[in-house]
Amino acid sequence: MDHIKPLPQYLVQRFQGWKATTYMENRAWYRRLAQDGQHPRAMVISCCDSRVHVTSIFGADQGEFFIHRNIANLVPPYEPDGDHHGTSAAVEYAVTALHVAHIVVIGHSNCGGVKGCHDMCSGAAPELEEKSSFVGRWMDILRPGYGDLDDGADIDDRLRALEKAAVMISLRNLMSFPFVAAAVEDDRLTLHGLWTDTGEGGLEQYDAAERDFVPV
């Protein structure tokens, strides 16, 4: 394991600053979380993109959200095939063990994963079509959304539409999980679709009556 190196010094210094200030000022709260376990009210599925900070957007405290992040905030369909399924495992744990009341899928502007899917489907990124591409095979989940895009729209509008399609495809796929569908039908769980503009600080939510995303 000689390839494992010490933490970069700037991160060490940030940790030490956090421990001396935020932690010490809230030590009782952190210890209570550790002893009592987590009881989040919501699961949030967001992108790995470092610009998306869901706890900041909602002013959430530690222990409030059960957060799962992946490329382009995608949820695959229910596939109990015995393979490794990190996102599906997180959904299962949130619903069946933590009994969250809400699952929020949040997409965002300028998503690199979504752009990769657009490039792949349009033939501009043949490397993502390779069977060995983890990103490409993951973005296959979003491929149906590419087929619904307006051919006459400009690239920015197409990408934004595909970013929102990623949210909707994930919400549809969530309902393919039997334990999610059962919880929704029993009014124990609600699903929510959001899209955030990281540059402008905007937030939109999917409105079923409007069949579109509307400002929050």
C-alpha atoms as a PDB file:
ATOM      1  CA  MET A   1       0.000   0.000   0.000  1.00  0.00           C
ATOM      2  CA  ASP A   2       2.931   2.327  -0.635  1.00  0.00           C
ATOM      3  CA  HIS A   3       0.813   4.324  -3.097  1.00  0.00           C
ATOM      4  CA  ILE A   4      -1.272   5.794  -0.258  1.00  0.00           C
ATOM      5  CA  LYS A   5       0.073   9.182   0.843  1.00  0.00           C
ATOM      6  CA  PRO A   6      -0.625  11.545   3.784  1.00  0.00           C
ATOM      7  CA  LEU A   7      -3.456  14.044   3.468  1.00  0.00           C
ATOM      8  CA  PRO A   8      -2.468  17.338   1.740  1.00  0.00           C
ATOM      9  CA  GLN A   9      -1.457  19.918   4.315  1.00  0.00           C
ATOM     10  CA  TYR A  10      -4.151  22.414   3.326  1.00  0.00           C
ATOM     11  CA  LEU A  11      -6.800  19.837   4.181  1.00  0.00           C
ATOM     12  CA  VAL A  12      -5.107  19.059   7.490  1.00  0.00           C
ATOM     13  CA  GLN A  13      -5.175  22.746   8.365  1.00  0.00           C
ATOM     14  CA  ARG A  14      -8.847  23.056   7.415  1.00  0.00           C
ATOM     15  CA  PHE A  15      -9.716  20.061   9.557  1.00  0.00           C
ATOM     16  CA  GLN A  16      -7.847  21.464  12.521  1.00  0.00           C
ATOM     17  CA  GLY A  17      -9.671  24.777  12.106  1.00  0.00           C
ATOM     18  CA  TRP A  18     -13.042  23.001  11.965  1.00  0.00           C
ATOM     19  CA  LYS A  19     -12.237  20.909  15.023  1.00  0.00           C
ATOM     20  CA  ALA A  20     -11.186  23.961  17.026  1.00  0.00           C
ATOM     21  CA  THR A  21     -14.214  26.062  16.091  1.00  0.00           C
ATOM     22  CA  THR A  22     -17.341  24.447  14.602  1.00  0.00           C
ATOM     23  CA  TYR A  23     -16.927  21.121  16.359  1.00  0.00           C
ATOM     24  CA  MET A  24     -15.986  22.520  19.755  1.00  0.00           C
ATOM     25  CA  GLU A  25     -18.882  24.987  19.653  1.00  0.00           C
ATOM     26  CA  ASN A  26     -21.335  22.172  18.817  1.00  0.00           C
ATOM     27  CA  ARG A  27     -19.690  19.224  20.532  1.00  0.00           C
ATOM     28  CA  ALA A  28     -22.822  18.105  22.393  1.00  0.00           C
ATOM     29  CA  TRP A  29     -24.801  18.016  19.140  1.00  0.00           C
ATOM     30  CA  TYR A  30     -22.175  15.945  17.322  1.00  0.00           C
ATOM     31  CA  ARG A  31     -21.972  13.494  20.215  1.00  0.00           C
ATOM     32  CA  ARG A  32     -25.732  13.168  20.285  1.00  0.00           C
ATOM     33  CA  LEU A  33     -25.782  12.378  16.553  1.00  0.00           C
ATOM     34  CA  ALA A  34     -23.094   9.752  17.075  1.00  0.00           C
ATOM     35  CA  GLN A  35     -24.899   8.103  19.990  1.00  0.00           C
ATOM     36  CA  ASP A  36     -28.489   8.285  18.756  1.00  0.00           C
ATOM     37  CA  GLY A  37     -27.800   7.448  15.121  1.00  0.00           C
ATOM     38  CA  GLN A  38     -29.081   9.255  12.054  1.00  0.00           C
ATOM     39  CA  HIS A  39     -32.721  10.077  11.473  1.00  0.00           C
ATOM     40  CA  PRO A  40     -32.790  12.084   8.239  1.00  0.00           C
ATOM     41  CA  ARG A  41     -36.163  13.228   6.973  1.00  0.00           C
ATOM     42  CA  ALA A  42     -35.082  13.249   3.329  1.00  0.00           C
ATOM     43  CA  MET A  43     -32.758  11.535   0.899  1.00  0.00           C
ATOM     44  CA  VAL A  44     -31.156  13.814  -1.668  1.00  0.00           C
ATOM     45  CA  ILE A  45     -29.736  12.390  -4.903  1.00  0.00           C
ATOM     46  CA  SER A  46     -27.434  14.934  -6.508  1.00  0.00           C
ATOM     47  CA  CYS A  47     -24.533  15.160  -8.924  1.00  0.00           C
ATOM     48  CA  CYS A  48     -20.896  14.641  -7.925  1.00  0.00           C
ATOM     49  CA  ASP A  49     -20.168  18.090  -9.357  1.00  0.00           C
ATOM     50  CA  SER A  50     -18.267  20.091  -6.739  1.00  0.00           C
ATOM     51  CA  ARG A  51     -20.397  23.169  -7.477  1.00  0.00           C
ATOM     52  CA  VAL A  52     -23.566  21.473  -6.206  1.00  0.00           C
ATOM     53  CA  HIS A  53     -23.782  21.862  -2.429  1.00  0.00           C
ATOM     54  CA  VAL A  54     -27.220  20.736  -1.330  1.00  0.00           C
ATOM     55  CA  THR A  55     -26.681  21.334   2.374  1.00  0.00           C
ATOM     56  CA  SER A  56     -25.830  24.957   1.637  1.00  0.00           C
ATOM     57  CA  ILE A  57     -28.784  25.436  -0.725  1.00  0.00           C
ATOM     58  CA  PHE A  58     -31.231  24.340   1.964  1.00  0.00           C
ATOM     59  CA  GLY A  59     -29.291  25.501   5.014  1.00  0.00           C
ATOM     60  CA  ALA A  60     -29.333  21.931   6.291  1.00  0.00           C
ATOM     61  CA  ASP A  61     -27.749  20.809   9.539  1.00  0.00           C
ATOM     62  CA  GLN A  62     -25.563  17.750   9.858  1.00  0.00           C
ATOM     63  CA  GLY A  63     -27.761  14.664  10.123  1.00  0.00           C
ATOM     64  CA  GLU A  64     -30.695  16.235   8.275  1.00  0.00           C
ATOM     65  CA  PHE A  65     -30.130  14.794   4.782  1.00  0.00           C
ATOM     66  CA  PHE A  66     -29.120  11.330   3.626  1.00  0.00           C
ATOM     67  CA  ILE A  67     -27.120  12.334   0.538  1.00  0.00           C
ATOM     68  CA  HIS A  68     -26.119  10.175  -2.412  1.00  0.00           C
ATOM     69  CA  ARG A  69     -24.050  11.690  -5.209  1.00  0.00           C
ATOM     70  CA  ASN A  70     -23.202  10.249  -8.604  1.00  0.00           C
ATOM     71  CA  ILE A  71     -22.508  11.397 -12.157  1.00  0.00           C
ATOM     72  CA  ALA A  72     -25.498  13.451 -13.378  1.00  0.00           C
ATOM     73  CA  ASN A  73     -27.720  12.552 -10.376  1.00  0.00           C
ATOM     74  CA  LEU A  74     -29.041   9.442 -12.114  1.00  0.00           C
ATOM     75  CA  VAL A  75     -31.019   6.552 -10.671  1.00  0.00           C
ATOM     76  CA  PRO A  76     -30.857   3.330 -12.690  1.00  0.00           C
ATOM     77  CA  PRO A  77     -33.906   1.093 -13.086  1.00  0.00           C
ATOM     78  CA  TYR A  78     -34.534  -1.685 -10.576  1.00  0.00           C
ATOM     79  CA  GLU A  79     -32.245  -4.571 -11.551  1.00  0.00           C
ATOM     80  CA  PRO A  80     -31.885  -7.272  -8.854  1.00  0.00           C
ATOM     81  CA  ASP A  81     -29.198  -9.133 -10.798  1.00  0.00           C
ATOM     82  CA  GLY A  82     -26.616  -9.620  -8.058  1.00  0.00           C
ATOM     83  CA  ASP A  83     -24.170  -7.051  -9.483  1.00  0.00           C
ATOM     84  CA  HIS A  84     -22.778  -4.005  -7.704  1.00  0.00           C
ATOM     85  CA  HIS A  85     -25.366  -1.222  -7.540  1.00  0.00           C
ATOM     86  CA  GLY A  86     -24.245   1.657  -5.334  1.00  0.00           C
ATOM     87  CA  THR A  87     -27.118   4.007  -6.105  1.00  0.00           C
ATOM     88  CA  SER A  88     -29.735   1.281  -5.775  1.00  0.00           C
ATOM     89  CA  ALA A  89     -28.220   0.222  -2.447  1.00  0.00           C
ATOM     90  CA  ALA A  90     -28.409   3.805  -1.173  1.00  0.00           C
ATOM     91  CA  VAL A  91     -32.076   4.070  -2.205  1.00  0.00           C
ATOM     92  CA  GLU A  92     -32.887   0.749  -0.563  1.00  0.00           C
ATOM     93  CA  TYR A  93     -31.203   1.756   2.695  1.00  0.00           C
ATOM     94  CA  ALA A  94     -32.873   5.181   2.749  1.00  0.00           C
ATOM     95  CA  VAL A  95     -36.366   3.784   2.211  1.00  0.00           C
ATOM     96  CA  THR A  96     -36.303   0.460   4.059  1.00  0.00           C
ATOM     97  CA  ALA A  97     -33.909   1.193   6.938  1.00  0.00           C
ATOM     98  CA  LEU A  98     -33.998   4.962   7.493  1.00  0.00           C
ATOM     99  CA  HIS A  99     -37.653   5.358   6.449  1.00  0.00           C
ATOM    100  CA  VAL A 100     -37.091   8.779   4.886  1.00  0.00           C
ATOM    101  CA  ALA A 101     -40.233  10.759   4.141  1.00  0.00           C
ATOM    102  CA  HIS A 102     -38.925  12.367   0.949  1.00  0.00           C
ATOM    103  CA  ILE A 103     -36.562  11.574  -1.913  1.00  0.00           C
ATOM    104  CA  VAL A 104     -35.316  14.643  -3.760  1.00  0.00           C
ATOM    105  CA  VAL A 105     -33.520  14.328  -7.112  1.00  0.00           C
ATOM    106  CA  ILE A 106     -31.707  17.549  -7.982  1.00  0.00           C
ATOM    107  CA  GLY A 107     -30.106  18.300 -11.334  1.00  0.00           C
ATOM    108  CA  HIS A 108     -28.035  21.350 -12.161  1.00  0.00           C
ATOM    109  CA  SER A 109     -26.830  23.682 -14.895  1.00  0.00           C
ATOM    110  CA  ASN A 110     -23.624  23.042 -16.843  1.00  0.00           C
ATOM    111  CA  CYS A 111     -23.584  19.367 -15.877  1.00  0.00           C
ATOM    112  CA  GLY A 112     -20.529  17.689 -17.376  1.00  0.00           C
ATOM    113  CA  GLY A 113     -22.093  14.247 -17.247  1.00  0.00           C
ATOM    114  CA  VAL A 114     -25.162  15.394 -19.149  1.00  0.00           C
ATOM    115  CA  LYS A 115     -22.979  17.097 -21.747  1.00  0.00           C
ATOM    116  CA  GLY A 116     -21.030  13.857 -22.069  1.00  0.00           C
ATOM    117  CA  CYS A 117     -24.261  12.003 -22.759  1.00  0.00           C
ATOM    118  CA  HIS A 118     -25.223  14.590 -25.392  1.00  0.00           C
ATOM    119  CA  ASP A 119     -21.806  14.324 -27.036  1.00  0.00           C
ATOM    120  CA  MET A 120     -21.904  10.529 -26.947  1.00  0.00           C
ATOM    121  CA  CYS A 121     -25.387  10.285 -28.444  1.00  0.00           C
ATOM    122  CA  SER A 122     -24.596  12.873 -31.133  1.00  0.00           C
ATOM    123  CA  GLY A 123     -21.425  11.031 -32.194  1.00  0.00           C
ATOM    124  CA  ALA A 124     -19.022  13.672 -30.856  1.00  0.00           C
ATOM    125  CA  ALA A 125     -17.574  11.442 -28.124  1.00  0.00           C
ATOM    126  CA  PRO A 126     -16.978   7.966 -29.589  1.00  0.00           C
ATOM    127  CA  GLU A 127     -14.737   7.079 -26.656  1.00  0.00           C
ATOM    128  CA  LEU A 128     -17.798   7.055 -24.422  1.00  0.00           C
ATOM    129  CA  GLU A 129     -19.386   4.405 -26.625  1.00  0.00           C
ATOM    130  CA  GLU A 130     -16.592   1.975 -25.713  1.00  0.00           C
ATOM    131  CA  LYS A 131     -17.789  -0.897 -23.549  1.00  0.00           C
ATOM    132  CA  SER A 132     -14.931  -0.162 -21.158  1.00  0.00           C
ATOM    133  CA  SER A 133     -16.124   3.407 -20.451  1.00  0.00           C
ATOM    134  CA  PHE A 134     -17.685   3.550 -17.004  1.00  0.00           C
ATOM    135  CA  VAL A 135     -18.996   7.055 -17.693  1.00  0.00           C
ATOM    136  CA  GLY A 136     -20.482   6.074 -21.039  1.00  0.00           C
ATOM    137  CA  ARG A 137     -22.266   3.010 -19.696  1.00  0.00           C
ATOM    138  CA  TRP A 138     -23.597   5.016 -16.759  1.00  0.00           C
ATOM    139  CA  MET A 139     -24.854   7.732 -19.112  1.00  0.00           C
ATOM    140  CA  ASP A 140     -26.771   5.087 -21.069  1.00  0.00           C
ATOM    141  CA  ILE A 141     -29.410   5.599 -18.362  1.00  0.00           C
ATOM    142  CA  LEU A 142     -30.000   9.067 -19.805  1.00  0.00           C
ATOM    143  CA  ARG A 143     -29.829   8.037 -23.470  1.00  0.00           C
ATOM    144  CA  PRO A 144     -33.661   7.893 -23.889  1.00  0.00           C
ATOM    145  CA  GLY A 145     -33.812  11.567 -22.896  1.00  0.00           C
ATOM    146  CA  TYR A 146     -31.568  12.509 -25.820  1.00  0.00           C
ATOM    147  CA  GLY A 147     -34.116  11.136 -28.264  1.00  0.00           C
ATOM    148  CA  ASP A 148     -36.769  13.506 -26.915  1.00  0.00           C
ATOM    149  CA  LEU A 149     -34.739  16.674 -27.511  1.00  0.00           C
ATOM    150  CA  ASP A 150     -35.871  19.344 -29.951  1.00  0.00           C
ATOM    151  CA  ASP A 151     -33.620  19.072 -33.020  1.00  0.00           C
ATOM    152  CA  GLY A 152     -34.196  22.725 -33.821  1.00  0.00           C
ATOM    153  CA  ALA A 153     -33.144  24.095 -30.426  1.00  0.00           C
ATOM    154  CA  ASP A 154     -29.707  25.596 -29.818  1.00  0.00           C
ATOM    155  CA  ILE A 155     -27.117  23.641 -27.868  1.00  0.00           C
ATOM    156  CA  ASP A 156     -27.661  25.497 -24.569  1.00  0.00           C
ATOM    157  CA  ASP A 157     -31.391  24.816 -24.622  1.00  0.00           C
ATOM    158  CA  ARG A 158     -30.798  21.170 -25.549  1.00  0.00           C
ATOM    159  CA  LEU A 159     -28.362  20.684 -22.673  1.00  0.00           C
ATOM    160  CA  ARG A 160     -30.686  22.339 -20.189  1.00  0.00           C
ATOM    161  CA  ALA A 161     -33.553  20.144 -21.390  1.00  0.00           C
ATOM    162  CA  LEU A 162     -31.369  17.055 -21.017  1.00  0.00           C
ATOM    163  CA  GLU A 163     -30.337  18.114 -17.501  1.00  0.00           C
ATOM    164  CA  LYS A 164     -34.008  18.222 -16.545  1.00  0.00           C
ATOM    165  CA  ALA A 165     -34.633  14.944 -18.379  1.00  0.00           C
ATOM    166  CA  ALA A 166     -32.021  13.358 -16.110  1.00  0.00           C
ATOM    167  CA  VAL A 167     -34.164  14.317 -13.128  1.00  0.00           C
ATOM    168  CA  MET A 168     -37.360  12.961 -14.677  1.00  0.00           C
ATOM    169  CA  ILE A 169     -35.789   9.687 -15.815  1.00  0.00           C
ATOM    170  CA  SER A 170     -34.423   9.178 -12.307  1.00  0.00           C
ATOM    171  CA  LEU A 171     -37.845   9.802 -10.775  1.00  0.00           C
ATOM    172  CA  ARG A 172     -39.446   7.319 -13.146  1.00  0.00           C
ATOM    173  CA  ASN A 173     -36.771   4.749 -12.400  1.00  0.00           C
ATOM    174  CA  LEU A 174     -37.282   5.214  -8.668  1.00  0.00           C
ATOM    175  CA  MET A 175     -40.846   4.000  -9.087  1.00  0.00           C
ATOM    176  CA  SER A 176     -39.536   0.755 -10.612  1.00  0.00           C
ATOM    177  CA  PHE A 177     -38.213  -0.194  -7.153  1.00  0.00           C
ATOM    178  CA  PRO A 178     -41.029  -2.159  -5.464  1.00  0.00           C
ATOM    179  CA  PHE A 179     -40.286  -0.784  -1.995  1.00  0.00           C
ATOM    180  CA  VAL A 180     -40.288   2.793  -3.307  1.00  0.00           C
ATOM    181  CA  ALA A 181     -43.566   2.315  -5.182  1.00  0.00           C
ATOM    182  CA  ALA A 182     -45.174   0.722  -2.120  1.00  0.00           C
ATOM    183  CA  ALA A 183     -44.063   3.566   0.157  1.00  0.00           C
ATOM    184  CA  VAL A 184     -45.366   6.171  -2.304  1.00  0.00           C
ATOM    185  CA  GLU A 185     -48.703   4.406  -2.668  1.00  0.00           C
ATOM    186  CA  ASP A 186     -49.055   4.197   1.135  1.00  0.00           C
ATOM    187  CA  ASP A 187     -48.293   7.935   1.535  1.00  0.00           C
ATOM    188  CA  ARG A 188     -45.144   7.141   3.503  1.00  0.00           C
ATOM    189  CA  LEU A 189     -42.857   8.670   0.878  1.00  0.00           C
ATOM    190  CA  THR A 190     -42.982  11.560  -1.583  1.00  0.00           C
ATOM    191  CA  LEU A 191     -40.731  12.114  -4.608  1.00  0.00           C
ATOM    192  CA  HIS A 192     -39.514  15.526  -5.739  1.00  0.00           C
ATOM    193  CA  GLY A 193     -37.643  16.763  -8.824  1.00  0.00           C
ATOM    194  CA  LEU A 194     -35.474  19.887  -8.712  1.00  0.00           C
ATOM    195  CA  TRP A 195     -33.050  21.694 -10.993  1.00  0.00           C
ATOM    196  CA  THR A 196     -30.668  24.399  -9.825  1.00  0.00           C
ATOM    197  CA  ASP A 197     -28.854  27.102 -11.766  1.00  0.00           C
ATOM    198  CA  THR A 198     -25.484  27.124 -10.034  1.00  0.00           C
ATOM    199  CA  GLY A 199     -24.423  30.452 -11.520  1.00  0.00           C
ATOM    200  CA  GLU A 200     -27.604  32.407 -10.793  1.00  0.00           C
ATOM    201  CA  GLY A 201     -28.643  30.664  -7.583  1.00  0.00           C
ATOM    202  CA  GLY A 202     -31.987  29.704  -9.068  1.00  0.00           C
ATOM    203  CA  LEU A 203     -34.047  26.678  -8.101  1.00  0.00           C
ATOM    204  CA  GLU A 204     -36.880  25.059 -10.056  1.00  0.00           C
ATOM    205  CA  GLN A 205     -39.155  22.181  -9.115  1.00  0.00           C
ATOM    206  CA  TYR A 206     -41.181  19.867 -11.299  1.00  0.00           C
ATOM    207  CA  ASP A 207     -44.881  20.719 -11.177  1.00  0.00           C
ATOM    208  CA  ALA A 208     -47.050  17.762 -12.175  1.00  0.00           C
ATOM    209  CA  ALA A 209     -49.999  20.020 -13.003  1.00  0.00           C
ATOM    210  CA  GLU A 210     -47.876  22.151 -15.327  1.00  0.00           C
ATOM    211  CA  ARG A 211     -45.870  19.168 -16.562  1.00  0.00           C
ATOM    212  CA  ASP A 212     -42.822  21.373 -16.409  1.00  0.00           C
ATOM    213  CA  PHE A 213     -40.228  22.826 -14.054  1.00  0.00           C
ATOM    214  CA  VAL A 214     -41.301  26.054 -12.371  1.00  0.00           C
ATOM    215  CA  PRO A 215     -39.354  28.486 -10.142  1.00  0.00           C
ATOM    216  CA  VAL A 216     -39.420  27.813  -6.405  1.00  0.00           C
END
